[in-house]
Amino acid sequence: MFGNLGTGEIIIIVLVILIFFGAKKIPELAQGVGKGMKEFKKALKDNDEDNKSTSETKEEKKS
């Protein structure tokens, strides 16, 4: 998931995030990221459904 990052590097990144944003902002940031991911997945699903219905309509017109 983190590529070639080791434990030490991950700890340093987490500490830097804590210093920049503070412990109180971390849950808000995580919530925002979660909502963003949820919206992104929903948009992908909607797009897939639209593409599927469009391809089915094109196949019906060919027949």
N, C-alpha and C. Protein backbone atom coordinates (compact mmCIF):
# COMPACT_ATOMS: atom_id res chain seq x y z
N MET A 1 0.82 -1.19 0.00
CA MET A 1 0.00 0.00 0.00
C MET A 1 0.86 1.25 0.00
N PHE A 2 1.93 1.24 0.77
CA PHE A 2 2.77 2.42 0.88
C PHE A 2 4.03 2.31 0.03
N GLY A 3 4.09 1.35 -0.88
CA GLY A 3 5.23 1.22 -1.75
C GLY A 3 6.47 0.81 -1.00
N ASN A 4 7.53 1.58 -1.12
CA ASN A 4 8.80 1.26 -0.49
C ASN A 4 9.01 1.99 0.82
N LEU A 5 7.96 2.52 1.41
CA LEU A 5 8.10 3.23 2.68
C LEU A 5 8.25 2.22 3.82
N GLY A 6 9.20 2.48 4.67
CA GLY A 6 9.39 1.63 5.84
C GLY A 6 8.66 2.20 7.03
N THR A 7 8.76 1.50 8.13
CA THR A 7 8.09 1.92 9.36
C THR A 7 8.59 3.28 9.84
N GLY A 8 9.88 3.49 9.76
CA GLY A 8 10.46 4.77 10.20
C GLY A 8 9.94 5.95 9.40
N GLU A 9 9.87 5.77 8.09
CA GLU A 9 9.37 6.85 7.24
C GLU A 9 7.91 7.17 7.52
N ILE A 10 7.11 6.14 7.74
CA ILE A 10 5.68 6.34 8.02
C ILE A 10 5.52 7.09 9.35
N ILE A 11 6.31 6.72 10.35
CA ILE A 11 6.24 7.40 11.65
C ILE A 11 6.61 8.88 11.49
N ILE A 12 7.64 9.16 10.72
CA ILE A 12 8.04 10.55 10.50
C ILE A 12 6.94 11.33 9.79
N ILE A 13 6.32 10.73 8.79
CA ILE A 13 5.23 11.41 8.07
C ILE A 13 4.07 11.70 9.02
N VAL A 14 3.71 10.74 9.86
CA VAL A 14 2.62 10.94 10.81
C VAL A 14 2.97 12.06 11.79
N LEU A 15 4.19 12.09 12.28
CA LEU A 15 4.61 13.15 13.19
C LEU A 15 4.56 14.52 12.54
N VAL A 16 4.99 14.61 11.29
CA VAL A 16 4.94 15.90 10.57
C VAL A 16 3.49 16.36 10.40
N ILE A 17 2.60 15.42 10.07
CA ILE A 17 1.18 15.77 9.94
C ILE A 17 0.63 16.27 11.27
N LEU A 18 0.99 15.60 12.36
CA LEU A 18 0.54 16.04 13.68
C LEU A 18 1.05 17.43 14.01
N ILE A 19 2.29 17.71 13.65
CA ILE A 19 2.86 19.04 13.94
C ILE A 19 2.15 20.11 13.13
N PHE A 20 1.93 19.85 11.84
CA PHE A 20 1.31 20.86 10.98
C PHE A 20 -0.16 21.10 11.31
N PHE A 21 -0.91 20.03 11.54
CA PHE A 21 -2.35 20.17 11.68
C PHE A 21 -2.84 20.09 13.13
N GLY A 22 -2.09 19.50 14.00
CA GLY A 22 -2.53 19.35 15.37
C GLY A 22 -3.45 18.15 15.53
N ALA A 23 -3.52 17.64 16.74
CA ALA A 23 -4.29 16.43 17.01
C ALA A 23 -5.80 16.64 16.83
N LYS A 24 -6.27 17.86 17.03
CA LYS A 24 -7.71 18.12 16.92
C LYS A 24 -8.19 18.16 15.47
N LYS A 25 -7.31 18.52 14.55
CA LYS A 25 -7.71 18.62 13.15
C LYS A 25 -7.65 17.30 12.41
N ILE A 26 -6.91 16.33 12.92
CA ILE A 26 -6.73 15.05 12.23
C ILE A 26 -8.07 14.34 11.99
N PRO A 27 -8.97 14.23 12.98
CA PRO A 27 -10.26 13.57 12.70
C PRO A 27 -11.08 14.31 11.63
N GLU A 28 -11.02 15.63 11.64
CA GLU A 28 -11.74 16.39 10.62
C GLU A 28 -11.17 16.12 9.24
N LEU A 29 -9.85 16.07 9.14
CA LEU A 29 -9.22 15.77 7.85
C LEU A 29 -9.58 14.37 7.38
N ALA A 30 -9.54 13.41 8.29
CA ALA A 30 -9.87 12.03 7.94
C ALA A 30 -11.33 11.92 7.49
N GLN A 31 -12.21 12.64 8.15
CA GLN A 31 -13.62 12.62 7.78
C GLN A 31 -13.80 13.22 6.38
N GLY A 32 -13.09 14.29 6.11
CA GLY A 32 -13.17 14.91 4.79
C GLY A 32 -12.65 13.99 3.70
N VAL A 33 -11.56 13.30 3.98
CA VAL A 33 -11.02 12.35 3.01
C VAL A 33 -12.00 11.20 2.79
N GLY A 34 -12.60 10.72 3.85
CA GLY A 34 -13.59 9.64 3.73
C GLY A 34 -14.79 10.05 2.90
N LYS A 35 -15.30 11.24 3.14
CA LYS A 35 -16.44 11.73 2.35
C LYS A 35 -16.05 11.89 0.89
N GLY A 36 -14.84 12.39 0.66
CA GLY A 36 -14.37 12.55 -0.71
C GLY A 36 -14.26 11.22 -1.44
N MET A 37 -13.75 10.22 -0.75
CA MET A 37 -13.63 8.89 -1.36
C MET A 37 -15.01 8.30 -1.64
N LYS A 38 -15.95 8.52 -0.73
CA LYS A 38 -17.30 8.01 -0.91
C LYS A 38 -17.96 8.64 -2.14
N GLU A 39 -17.80 9.96 -2.28
CA GLU A 39 -18.36 10.66 -3.44
C GLU A 39 -17.69 10.20 -4.74
N PHE A 40 -16.38 9.98 -4.68
CA PHE A 40 -15.65 9.52 -5.86
C PHE A 40 -16.13 8.15 -6.30
N LYS A 41 -16.30 7.22 -5.34
CA LYS A 41 -16.79 5.88 -5.67
C LYS A 41 -18.20 5.94 -6.22
N LYS A 42 -19.02 6.82 -5.66
CA LYS A 42 -20.40 6.97 -6.14
C LYS A 42 -20.41 7.48 -7.58
N ALA A 43 -19.54 8.44 -7.87
CA ALA A 43 -19.46 8.98 -9.22
C ALA A 43 -18.98 7.92 -10.20
N LEU A 44 -18.02 7.10 -9.80
CA LEU A 44 -17.56 6.01 -10.66
C LEU A 44 -18.68 5.02 -10.93
N LYS A 45 -19.44 4.68 -9.89
CA LYS A 45 -20.54 3.73 -10.05
C LYS A 45 -21.61 4.30 -10.99
N ASP A 46 -21.95 5.57 -10.80
CA ASP A 46 -22.94 6.21 -11.66
C ASP A 46 -22.45 6.25 -13.10
N ASN A 47 -21.17 6.53 -13.28
CA ASN A 47 -20.61 6.59 -14.62
C ASN A 47 -20.65 5.21 -15.28
N ASP A 48 -20.32 4.16 -14.52
CA ASP A 48 -20.37 2.80 -15.05
C ASP A 48 -21.79 2.43 -15.46
N GLU A 49 -22.76 2.81 -14.63
CA GLU A 49 -24.16 2.50 -14.95
C GLU A 49 -24.60 3.25 -16.20
N ASP A 50 -24.18 4.51 -16.34
CA ASP A 50 -24.52 5.28 -17.53
C ASP A 50 -23.90 4.66 -18.78
N ASN A 51 -22.64 4.25 -18.68
CA ASN A 51 -21.98 3.62 -19.82
C ASN A 51 -22.64 2.31 -20.19
N LYS A 52 -23.05 1.53 -19.19
CA LYS A 52 -23.70 0.26 -19.44
C LYS A 52 -25.04 0.47 -20.14
N SER A 53 -25.84 1.44 -19.66
CA SER A 53 -27.13 1.69 -20.27
C SER A 53 -26.97 2.25 -21.68
N THR A 54 -25.94 3.05 -21.90
CA THR A 54 -25.68 3.60 -23.24
C THR A 54 -25.29 2.50 -24.20
N SER A 55 -24.44 1.57 -23.76
CA SER A 55 -24.03 0.48 -24.64
C SER A 55 -25.20 -0.45 -24.93
N GLU A 56 -26.09 -0.67 -23.96
CA GLU A 56 -27.26 -1.50 -24.19
C GLU A 56 -28.20 -0.85 -25.20
N THR A 57 -28.34 0.46 -25.13
CA THR A 57 -29.19 1.19 -26.08
C THR A 57 -28.62 1.10 -27.49
N LYS A 58 -27.31 1.20 -27.62
CA LYS A 58 -26.68 1.10 -28.93
C LYS A 58 -26.87 -0.29 -29.52
N GLU A 59 -26.79 -1.35 -28.66
CA GLU A 59 -26.98 -2.71 -29.14
C GLU A 59 -28.42 -2.92 -29.59
N GLU A 60 -29.38 -2.32 -28.90
CA GLU A 60 -30.78 -2.46 -29.29
C GLU A 60 -31.03 -1.79 -30.63
N LYS A 61 -30.38 -0.65 -30.90
CA LYS A 61 -30.56 0.04 -32.17
C LYS A 61 -29.97 -0.75 -33.32
N LYS A 62 -28.90 -1.53 -33.08
CA LYS A 62 -28.30 -2.34 -34.13
C LYS A 62 -29.22 -3.46 -34.56
N SER A 63 -30.01 -3.98 -33.64
CA SER A 63 -30.87 -5.14 -33.94
C SER A 63 -32.07 -4.77 -34.75
